Amino acid sequence: MSLAFGIAIYFVIWWVLLFAILPFGVRTSEEAGESSNPGFAESAPHRPRLLPKIIATTIISGIVFAFIYAILEHKIFGLDDIPFFPRYEQVQQKP
């Protein structure tokens, strides 16, 4: 795996996991027992706590990336091992 490919895969994993983690622990101002500020949507989070979510996303992304890296580098399974993918035979050229 090249460095650029590894960075791209990590970035995609990080971004997907960020959007999966963002809703955890979010409460609106109404749920927190306070009035919402004028100009903000009623559904806006009271305290989004982004820094802990970014740290959690980075840690979980590292674990998921390490798992994917191990699968790709150690060839634990390949595309030919997935049962519903079509099989293509290699064509040998005649001399």
PDB file of N, CA and C in Angstrom:
ATOM      1  N   MET A   1       0.863  -1.164   0.000  1.00  0.00           N
ATOM      2  CA  MET A   1       0.000   0.000   0.000  1.00  0.00           C
ATOM      3  C   MET A   1       0.910   1.228   0.000  1.00  0.00           C
ATOM      4  N   SER A   2       0.661   2.125  -0.929  1.00  0.00           N
ATOM      5  CA  SER A   2       1.463   3.337  -0.986  1.00  0.00           C
ATOM      6  C   SER A   2       1.010   4.319   0.094  1.00  0.00           C
ATOM      7  N   LEU A   3       1.858   5.298   0.367  1.00  0.00           N
ATOM      8  CA  LEU A   3       1.550   6.291   1.392  1.00  0.00           C
ATOM      9  C   LEU A   3       0.312   7.104   1.024  1.00  0.00           C
ATOM     10  N   ALA A   4       0.218   7.505  -0.234  1.00  0.00           N
ATOM     11  CA  ALA A   4      -0.932   8.307  -0.671  1.00  0.00           C
ATOM     12  C   ALA A   4      -2.230   7.503  -0.554  1.00  0.00           C
ATOM     13  N   PHE A   5      -2.192   6.225  -0.915  1.00  0.00           N
ATOM     14  CA  PHE A   5      -3.375   5.372  -0.804  1.00  0.00           C
ATOM     15  C   PHE A   5      -3.768   5.183   0.657  1.00  0.00           C
ATOM     16  N   GLY A   6      -2.788   4.991   1.520  1.00  0.00           N
ATOM     17  CA  GLY A   6      -3.065   4.836   2.940  1.00  0.00           C
ATOM     18  C   GLY A   6      -3.687   6.083   3.549  1.00  0.00           C
ATOM     19  N   ILE A   7      -3.167   7.252   3.191  1.00  0.00           N
ATOM     20  CA  ILE A   7      -3.728   8.511   3.692  1.00  0.00           C
ATOM     21  C   ILE A   7      -5.146   8.708   3.182  1.00  0.00           C
ATOM     22  N   ALA A   8      -5.381   8.378   1.928  1.00  0.00           N
ATOM     23  CA  ALA A   8      -6.726   8.525   1.361  1.00  0.00           C
ATOM     24  C   ALA A   8      -7.721   7.593   2.058  1.00  0.00           C
ATOM     25  N   ILE A   9      -7.330   6.363   2.293  1.00  0.00           N
ATOM     26  CA  ILE A   9      -8.211   5.412   2.975  1.00  0.00           C
ATOM     27  C   ILE A   9      -8.488   5.869   4.402  1.00  0.00           C
ATOM     28  N   TYR A  10      -7.449   6.332   5.106  1.00  0.00           N
ATOM     29  CA  TYR A  10      -7.638   6.817   6.479  1.00  0.00           C
ATOM     30  C   TYR A  10      -8.580   8.016   6.504  1.00  0.00           C
ATOM     31  N   PHE A  11      -8.422   8.929   5.556  1.00  0.00           N
ATOM     32  CA  PHE A  11      -9.275  10.121   5.504  1.00  0.00           C
ATOM     33  C   PHE A  11     -10.740   9.739   5.285  1.00  0.00           C
ATOM     34  N   VAL A  12     -10.988   8.803   4.395  1.00  0.00           N
ATOM     35  CA  VAL A  12     -12.363   8.370   4.130  1.00  0.00           C
ATOM     36  C   VAL A  12     -12.956   7.697   5.374  1.00  0.00           C
ATOM     37  N   ILE A  13     -12.180   6.829   6.020  1.00  0.00           N
ATOM     38  CA  ILE A  13     -12.654   6.178   7.244  1.00  0.00           C
ATOM     39  C   ILE A  13     -12.938   7.217   8.316  1.00  0.00           C
ATOM     40  N   TRP A  14     -12.020   8.185   8.488  1.00  0.00           N
ATOM     41  CA  TRP A  14     -12.181   9.214   9.517  1.00  0.00           C
ATOM     42  C   TRP A  14     -13.439  10.040   9.277  1.00  0.00           C
ATOM     43  N   TRP A  15     -13.653  10.418   8.022  1.00  0.00           N
ATOM     44  CA  TRP A  15     -14.796  11.273   7.692  1.00  0.00           C
ATOM     45  C   TRP A  15     -16.124  10.547   7.921  1.00  0.00           C
ATOM     46  N   VAL A  16     -16.207   9.291   7.523  1.00  0.00           N
ATOM     47  CA  VAL A  16     -17.430   8.510   7.710  1.00  0.00           C
ATOM     48  C   VAL A  16     -17.700   8.314   9.195  1.00  0.00           C
ATOM     49  N   LEU A  17     -16.668   7.987   9.955  1.00  0.00           N
ATOM     50  CA  LEU A  17     -16.855   7.773  11.385  1.00  0.00           C
ATOM     51  C   LEU A  17     -17.190   9.066  12.115  1.00  0.00           C
ATOM     52  N   LEU A  18     -16.682  10.201  11.648  1.00  0.00           N
ATOM     53  CA  LEU A  18     -17.029  11.477  12.275  1.00  0.00           C
ATOM     54  C   LEU A  18     -18.528  11.708  12.192  1.00  0.00           C
ATOM     55  N   PHE A  19     -19.100  11.491  11.024  1.00  0.00           N
ATOM     56  CA  PHE A  19     -20.536  11.694  10.876  1.00  0.00           C
ATOM     57  C   PHE A  19     -21.347  10.641  11.622  1.00  0.00           C
ATOM     58  N   ALA A  20     -20.763   9.482  11.889  1.00  0.00           N
ATOM     59  CA  ALA A  20     -21.452   8.471  12.691  1.00  0.00           C
ATOM     60  C   ALA A  20     -21.408   8.830  14.179  1.00  0.00           C
ATOM     61  N   ILE A  21     -20.339   9.484  14.626  1.00  0.00           N
ATOM     62  CA  ILE A  21     -20.158   9.799  16.037  1.00  0.00           C
ATOM     63  C   ILE A  21     -20.802  11.133  16.425  1.00  0.00           C
ATOM     64  N   LEU A  22     -20.958  12.045  15.502  1.00  0.00           N
ATOM     65  CA  LEU A  22     -21.478  13.382  15.822  1.00  0.00           C
ATOM     66  C   LEU A  22     -22.799  13.387  16.598  1.00  0.00           C
ATOM     67  N   PRO A  23     -23.772  12.554  16.299  1.00  0.00           N
ATOM     68  CA  PRO A  23     -25.042  12.642  17.037  1.00  0.00           C
ATOM     69  C   PRO A  23     -25.003  12.145  18.480  1.00  0.00           C
ATOM     70  N   PHE A  24     -23.974  11.428  18.895  1.00  0.00           N
ATOM     71  CA  PHE A  24     -23.940  10.870  20.243  1.00  0.00           C
ATOM     72  C   PHE A  24     -23.872  11.979  21.289  1.00  0.00           C
ATOM     73  N   GLY A  25     -24.768  11.933  22.259  1.00  0.00           N
ATOM     74  CA  GLY A  25     -24.750  12.858  23.380  1.00  0.00           C
ATOM     75  C   GLY A  25     -25.216  14.267  23.078  1.00  0.00           C
ATOM     76  N   VAL A  26     -25.846  14.486  21.947  1.00  0.00           N
ATOM     77  CA  VAL A  26     -26.296  15.831  21.576  1.00  0.00           C
ATOM     78  C   VAL A  26     -27.650  16.099  22.212  1.00  0.00           C
ATOM     79  N   ARG A  27     -27.762  17.264  22.830  1.00  0.00           N
ATOM     80  CA  ARG A  27     -29.030  17.704  23.416  1.00  0.00           C
ATOM     81  C   ARG A  27     -29.311  19.119  22.942  1.00  0.00           C
ATOM     82  N   THR A  28     -30.566  19.408  22.688  1.00  0.00           N
ATOM     83  CA  THR A  28     -30.951  20.764  22.303  1.00  0.00           C
ATOM     84  C   THR A  28     -31.035  21.628  23.555  1.00  0.00           C
ATOM     85  N   SER A  29     -31.179  22.935  23.360  1.00  0.00           N
ATOM     86  CA  SER A  29     -31.296  23.842  24.503  1.00  0.00           C
ATOM     87  C   SER A  29     -32.545  23.529  25.317  1.00  0.00           C
ATOM     88  N   GLU A  30     -33.604  23.142  24.638  1.00  0.00           N
ATOM     89  CA  GLU A  30     -34.849  22.796  25.332  1.00  0.00           C
ATOM     90  C   GLU A  30     -34.648  21.571  26.217  1.00  0.00           C
ATOM     91  N   GLU A  31     -33.948  20.570  25.694  1.00  0.00           N
ATOM     92  CA  GLU A  31     -33.679  19.373  26.481  1.00  0.00           C
ATOM     93  C   GLU A  31     -32.745  19.665  27.656  1.00  0.00           C
ATOM     94  N   ALA A  32     -31.881  20.655  27.487  1.00  0.00           N
ATOM     95  CA  ALA A  32     -30.958  21.031  28.558  1.00  0.00           C
ATOM     96  C   ALA A  32     -31.623  21.925  29.594  1.00  0.00           C
ATOM     97  N   GLY A  33     -32.854  22.379  29.333  1.00  0.00           N
ATOM     98  CA  GLY A  33     -33.583  23.190  30.283  1.00  0.00           C
ATOM     99  C   GLY A  33     -33.271  24.679  30.183  1.00  0.00           C
ATOM    100  N   GLU A  34     -32.750  25.106  29.054  1.00  0.00           N
ATOM    101  CA  GLU A  34     -32.432  26.515  28.849  1.00  0.00           C
ATOM    102  C   GLU A  34     -33.164  27.014  27.614  1.00  0.00           C
ATOM    103  N   SER A  35     -33.297  28.336  27.514  1.00  0.00           N
ATOM    104  CA  SER A  35     -33.946  28.903  26.331  1.00  0.00           C
ATOM    105  C   SER A  35     -32.917  29.010  25.211  1.00  0.00           C
ATOM    106  N   SER A  36     -33.378  28.839  23.985  1.00  0.00           N
ATOM    107  CA  SER A  36     -32.462  28.926  22.854  1.00  0.00           C
ATOM    108  C   SER A  36     -32.192  30.384  22.525  1.00  0.00           C
ATOM    109  N   ASN A  37     -31.036  30.629  21.992  1.00  0.00           N
ATOM    110  CA  ASN A  37     -30.649  31.989  21.619  1.00  0.00           C
ATOM    111  C   ASN A  37     -31.382  32.412  20.361  1.00  0.00           C
ATOM    112  N   PRO A  38     -31.719  33.700  20.249  1.00  0.00           N
ATOM    113  CA  PRO A  38     -32.387  34.139  19.019  1.00  0.00           C
ATOM    114  C   PRO A  38     -31.458  33.998  17.814  1.00  0.00           C
ATOM    115  N   GLY A  39     -32.039  33.581  16.711  1.00  0.00           N
ATOM    116  CA  GLY A  39     -31.266  33.402  15.483  1.00  0.00           C
ATOM    117  C   GLY A  39     -30.753  31.990  15.286  1.00  0.00           C
ATOM    118  N   PHE A  40     -30.903  31.141  16.282  1.00  0.00           N
ATOM    119  CA  PHE A  40     -30.467  29.754  16.163  1.00  0.00           C
ATOM    120  C   PHE A  40     -31.681  28.861  15.966  1.00  0.00           C
ATOM    121  N   ALA A  41     -31.485  27.771  15.279  1.00  0.00           N
ATOM    122  CA  ALA A  41     -32.567  26.808  15.089  1.00  0.00           C
ATOM    123  C   ALA A  41     -32.891  26.143  16.416  1.00  0.00           C
ATOM    124  N   GLU A  42     -34.145  25.739  16.555  1.00  0.00           N
ATOM    125  CA  GLU A  42     -34.565  25.066  17.787  1.00  0.00           C
ATOM    126  C   GLU A  42     -33.848  23.719  17.959  1.00  0.00           C
ATOM    127  N   SER A  43     -33.447  23.127  16.858  1.00  0.00           N
ATOM    128  CA  SER A  43     -32.801  21.814  16.909  1.00  0.00           C
ATOM    129  C   SER A  43     -31.276  21.906  17.037  1.00  0.00           C
ATOM    130  N   ALA A  44     -30.734  23.124  17.149  1.00  0.00           N
ATOM    131  CA  ALA A  44     -29.285  23.288  17.260  1.00  0.00           C
ATOM    132  C   ALA A  44     -28.796  22.696  18.581  1.00  0.00           C
ATOM    133  N   PRO A  45     -27.649  22.033  18.575  1.00  0.00           N
ATOM    134  CA  PRO A  45     -27.149  21.438  19.815  1.00  0.00           C
ATOM    135  C   PRO A  45     -26.786  22.511  20.836  1.00  0.00           C
ATOM    136  N   HIS A  46     -27.057  22.203  22.100  1.00  0.00           N
ATOM    137  CA  HIS A  46     -26.743  23.137  23.172  1.00  0.00           C
ATOM    138  C   HIS A  46     -25.233  23.222  23.372  1.00  0.00           C
ATOM    139  N   ARG A  47     -24.583  22.086  23.535  1.00  0.00           N
ATOM    140  CA  ARG A  47     -23.127  21.987  23.628  1.00  0.00           C
ATOM    141  C   ARG A  47     -22.693  20.837  22.727  1.00  0.00           C
ATOM    142  N   PRO A  48     -22.133  21.138  21.567  1.00  0.00           N
ATOM    143  CA  PRO A  48     -21.807  20.038  20.643  1.00  0.00           C
ATOM    144  C   PRO A  48     -20.626  19.176  21.085  1.00  0.00           C
ATOM    145  N   ARG A  49     -19.731  19.674  21.950  1.00  0.00           N
ATOM    146  CA  ARG A  49     -18.565  18.930  22.432  1.00  0.00           C
ATOM    147  C   ARG A  49     -17.800  18.296  21.274  1.00  0.00           C
ATOM    148  N   LEU A  50     -17.297  19.129  20.387  1.00  0.00           N
ATOM    149  CA  LEU A  50     -16.628  18.639  19.182  1.00  0.00           C
ATOM    150  C   LEU A  50     -15.252  18.037  19.455  1.00  0.00           C
ATOM    151  N   LEU A  51     -14.481  18.642  20.364  1.00  0.00           N
ATOM    152  CA  LEU A  51     -13.128  18.138  20.597  1.00  0.00           C
ATOM    153  C   LEU A  51     -13.119  16.679  21.069  1.00  0.00           C
ATOM    154  N   PRO A  52     -13.928  16.283  22.057  1.00  0.00           N
ATOM    155  CA  PRO A  52     -13.929  14.855  22.428  1.00  0.00           C
ATOM    156  C   PRO A  52     -14.393  13.945  21.293  1.00  0.00           C
ATOM    157  N   LYS A  53     -15.301  14.443  20.466  1.00  0.00           N
ATOM    158  CA  LYS A  53     -15.778  13.627  19.346  1.00  0.00           C
ATOM    159  C   LYS A  53     -14.695  13.480  18.279  1.00  0.00           C
ATOM    160  N   ILE A  54     -13.919  14.531  18.052  1.00  0.00           N
ATOM    161  CA  ILE A  54     -12.825  14.450  17.078  1.00  0.00           C
ATOM    162  C   ILE A  54     -11.735  13.505  17.584  1.00  0.00           C
ATOM    163  N   ILE A  55     -11.445  13.560  18.871  1.00  0.00           N
ATOM    164  CA  ILE A  55     -10.445  12.652  19.446  1.00  0.00           C
ATOM    165  C   ILE A  55     -10.926  11.202  19.356  1.00  0.00           C
ATOM    166  N   ALA A  56     -12.183  10.962  19.686  1.00  0.00           N
ATOM    167  CA  ALA A  56     -12.731   9.600  19.591  1.00  0.00           C
ATOM    168  C   ALA A  56     -12.733   9.114  18.150  1.00  0.00           C
ATOM    169  N   THR A  57     -13.077   9.994  17.223  1.00  0.00           N
ATOM    170  CA  THR A  57     -13.074   9.624  15.803  1.00  0.00           C
ATOM    171  C   THR A  57     -11.670   9.244  15.346  1.00  0.00           C
ATOM    172  N   THR A  58     -10.671   9.991  15.778  1.00  0.00           N
ATOM    173  CA  THR A  58      -9.289   9.714  15.387  1.00  0.00           C
ATOM    174  C   THR A  58      -8.828   8.367  15.929  1.00  0.00           C
ATOM    175  N   ILE A  59      -9.156   8.070  17.167  1.00  0.00           N
ATOM    176  CA  ILE A  59      -8.746   6.796  17.771  1.00  0.00           C
ATOM    177  C   ILE A  59      -9.447   5.620  17.093  1.00  0.00           C
ATOM    178  N   ILE A  60     -10.744   5.720  16.919  1.00  0.00           N
ATOM    179  CA  ILE A  60     -11.502   4.627  16.287  1.00  0.00           C
ATOM    180  C   ILE A  60     -11.084   4.448  14.834  1.00  0.00           C
ATOM    181  N   SER A  61     -10.812   5.551  14.131  1.00  0.00           N
ATOM    182  CA  SER A  61     -10.357   5.463  12.738  1.00  0.00           C
ATOM    183  C   SER A  61      -9.008   4.765  12.648  1.00  0.00           C
ATOM    184  N   GLY A  62      -8.136   5.026  13.602  1.00  0.00           N
ATOM    185  CA  GLY A  62      -6.839   4.347  13.619  1.00  0.00           C
ATOM    186  C   GLY A  62      -6.984   2.852  13.783  1.00  0.00           C
ATOM    187  N   ILE A  63      -7.911   2.435  14.638  1.00  0.00           N
ATOM    188  CA  ILE A  63      -8.153   1.004  14.854  1.00  0.00           C
ATOM    189  C   ILE A  63      -8.734   0.358  13.598  1.00  0.00           C
ATOM    190  N   VAL A  64      -9.719   1.017  12.989  1.00  0.00           N
ATOM    191  CA  VAL A  64     -10.338   0.476  11.768  1.00  0.00           C
ATOM    192  C   VAL A  64      -9.325   0.443  10.629  1.00  0.00           C
ATOM    193  N   PHE A  65      -8.510   1.499  10.513  1.00  0.00           N
ATOM    194  CA  PHE A  65      -7.491   1.533   9.458  1.00  0.00           C
ATOM    195  C   PHE A  65      -6.462   0.425   9.663  1.00  0.00           C
ATOM    196  N   ALA A  66      -6.052   0.192  10.899  1.00  0.00           N
ATOM    197  CA  ALA A  66      -5.087  -0.882  11.163  1.00  0.00           C
ATOM    198  C   ALA A  66      -5.652  -2.242  10.762  1.00  0.00           C
ATOM    199  N   PHE A  67      -6.936  -2.448  11.015  1.00  0.00           N
ATOM    200  CA  PHE A  67      -7.590  -3.698  10.617  1.00  0.00           C
ATOM    201  C   PHE A  67      -7.596  -3.839   9.094  1.00  0.00           C
ATOM    202  N   ILE A  68      -7.968  -2.786   8.386  1.00  0.00           N
ATOM    203  CA  ILE A  68      -8.006  -2.829   6.924  1.00  0.00           C
ATOM    204  C   ILE A  68      -6.597  -2.975   6.346  1.00  0.00           C
ATOM    205  N   TYR A  69      -5.629  -2.290   6.943  1.00  0.00           N
ATOM    206  CA  TYR A  69      -4.239  -2.391   6.498  1.00  0.00           C
ATOM    207  C   TYR A  69      -3.732  -3.827   6.637  1.00  0.00           C
ATOM    208  N   ALA A  70      -4.044  -4.460   7.764  1.00  0.00           N
ATOM    209  CA  ALA A  70      -3.607  -5.837   7.976  1.00  0.00           C
ATOM    210  C   ALA A  70      -4.233  -6.772   6.951  1.00  0.00           C
ATOM    211  N   ILE A  71      -5.495  -6.560   6.649  1.00  0.00           N
ATOM    212  CA  ILE A  71      -6.163  -7.398   5.657  1.00  0.00           C
ATOM    213  C   ILE A  71      -5.517  -7.235   4.286  1.00  0.00           C
ATOM    214  N   LEU A  72      -5.228  -5.997   3.899  1.00  0.00           N
ATOM    215  CA  LEU A  72      -4.660  -5.754   2.574  1.00  0.00           C
ATOM    216  C   LEU A  72      -3.205  -6.210   2.472  1.00  0.00           C
ATOM    217  N   GLU A  73      -2.407  -5.954   3.492  1.00  0.00           N
ATOM    218  CA  GLU A  73      -0.979  -6.267   3.422  1.00  0.00           C
ATOM    219  C   GLU A  73      -0.690  -7.753   3.587  1.00  0.00           C
ATOM    220  N   HIS A  74      -1.426  -8.421   4.447  1.00  0.00           N
ATOM    221  CA  HIS A  74      -1.163  -9.834   4.714  1.00  0.00           C
ATOM    222  C   HIS A  74      -2.019 -10.758   3.852  1.00  0.00           C
ATOM    223  N   LYS A  75      -2.796 -10.156   2.969  1.00  0.00           N
ATOM    224  CA  LYS A  75      -3.614 -10.906   2.025  1.00  0.00           C
ATOM    225  C   LYS A  75      -4.439 -11.983   2.736  1.00  0.00           C
ATOM    226  N   ILE A  76      -5.137 -11.564   3.795  1.00  0.00           N
ATOM    227  CA  ILE A  76      -5.989 -12.480   4.551  1.00  0.00           C
ATOM    228  C   ILE A  76      -7.108 -12.997   3.656  1.00  0.00           C
ATOM    229  N   PHE A  77      -7.708 -12.116   2.886  1.00  0.00           N
ATOM    230  CA  PHE A  77      -8.624 -12.528   1.830  1.00  0.00           C
ATOM    231  C   PHE A  77      -8.607 -11.451   0.760  1.00  0.00           C
ATOM    232  N   GLY A  78      -8.951 -11.872  -0.449  1.00  0.00           N
ATOM    233  CA  GLY A  78      -8.955 -10.963  -1.582  1.00  0.00           C
ATOM    234  C   GLY A  78     -10.329 -10.902  -2.215  1.00  0.00           C
ATOM    235  N   LEU A  79     -10.416 -10.207  -3.312  1.00  0.00           N
ATOM    236  CA  LEU A  79     -11.700 -10.086  -3.991  1.00  0.00           C
ATOM    237  C   LEU A  79     -12.203 -11.426  -4.521  1.00  0.00           C
ATOM    238  N   ASP A  80     -11.292 -12.312  -4.854  1.00  0.00           N
ATOM    239  CA  ASP A  80     -11.703 -13.637  -5.353  1.00  0.00           C
ATOM    240  C   ASP A  80     -12.323 -14.504  -4.261  1.00  0.00           C
ATOM    241  N   ASP A  81     -12.113 -14.153  -3.011  1.00  0.00           N
ATOM    242  CA  ASP A  81     -12.677 -14.924  -1.908  1.00  0.00           C
ATOM    243  C   ASP A  81     -14.113 -14.522  -1.579  1.00  0.00           C
ATOM    244  N   ILE A  82     -14.603 -13.429  -2.132  1.00  0.00           N
ATOM    245  CA  ILE A  82     -15.970 -12.990  -1.886  1.00  0.00           C
ATOM    246  C   ILE A  82     -16.884 -13.789  -2.810  1.00  0.00           C
ATOM    247  N   PRO A  83     -17.850 -14.513  -2.262  1.00  0.00           N
ATOM    248  CA  PRO A  83     -18.591 -15.495  -3.066  1.00  0.00           C
ATOM    249  C   PRO A  83     -19.463 -14.923  -4.176  1.00  0.00           C
ATOM    250  N   PHE A  84     -20.012 -13.730  -4.025  1.00  0.00           N
ATOM    251  CA  PHE A  84     -20.940 -13.229  -5.030  1.00  0.00           C
ATOM    252  C   PHE A  84     -20.273 -12.383  -6.117  1.00  0.00           C
ATOM    253  N   PHE A  85     -18.952 -12.189  -6.051  1.00  0.00           N
ATOM    254  CA  PHE A  85     -18.250 -11.469  -7.110  1.00  0.00           C
ATOM    255  C   PHE A  85     -18.038 -12.399  -8.299  1.00  0.00           C
ATOM    256  N   PRO A  86     -18.088 -11.891  -9.526  1.00  0.00           N
ATOM    257  CA  PRO A  86     -17.870 -12.751 -10.694  1.00  0.00           C
ATOM    258  C   PRO A  86     -16.414 -13.216 -10.779  1.00  0.00           C
ATOM    259  N   ARG A  87     -16.225 -14.372 -11.358  1.00  0.00           N
ATOM    260  CA  ARG A  87     -14.882 -14.935 -11.528  1.00  0.00           C
ATOM    261  C   ARG A  87     -14.408 -14.651 -12.951  1.00  0.00           C
ATOM    262  N   TYR A  88     -13.205 -14.170 -13.052  1.00  0.00           N
ATOM    263  CA  TYR A  88     -12.611 -13.916 -14.359  1.00  0.00           C
ATOM    264  C   TYR A  88     -11.358 -14.763 -14.472  1.00  0.00           C
ATOM    265  N   GLU A  89     -11.288 -15.504 -15.533  1.00  0.00           N
ATOM    266  CA  GLU A  89     -10.117 -16.329 -15.770  1.00  0.00           C
ATOM    267  C   GLU A  89      -9.083 -15.520 -16.526  1.00  0.00           C
ATOM    268  N   GLN A  90      -7.822 -15.790 -16.254  1.00  0.00           N
ATOM    269  CA  GLN A  90      -6.772 -15.103 -16.960  1.00  0.00           C
ATOM    270  C   GLN A  90      -6.652 -15.667 -18.378  1.00  0.00           C
ATOM    271  N   VAL A  91      -6.521 -14.789 -19.321  1.00  0.00           N
ATOM    272  CA  VAL A  91      -6.388 -15.201 -20.713  1.00  0.00           C
ATOM    273  C   VAL A  91      -4.899 -15.342 -21.020  1.00  0.00           C
ATOM    274  N   GLN A  92      -4.516 -16.514 -21.523  1.00  0.00           N
ATOM    275  CA  GLN A  92      -3.132 -16.728 -21.885  1.00  0.00           C
ATOM    276  C   GLN A  92      -2.950 -16.475 -23.367  1.00  0.00           C
ATOM    277  N   GLN A  93      -1.954 -15.724 -23.679  1.00  0.00           N
ATOM    278  CA  GLN A  93      -1.688 -15.390 -25.078  1.00  0.00           C
ATOM    279  C   GLN A  93      -0.920 -16.522 -25.728  1.00  0.00           C
ATOM    280  N   LYS A  94      -1.278 -16.816 -26.962  1.00  0.00           N
ATOM    281  CA  LYS A  94      -0.588 -17.868 -27.703  1.00  0.00           C
ATOM    282  C   LYS A  94       0.675 -17.279 -28.337  1.00  0.00           C
ATOM    283  N   PRO A  95       1.781 -17.999 -28.253  1.00  0.00           N
ATOM    284  CA  PRO A  95       3.020 -17.488 -28.852  1.00  0.00           C
ATOM    285  C   PRO A  95       3.069 -17.570 -30.338  1.00  0.00           C
TER     286      PRO A  95
END
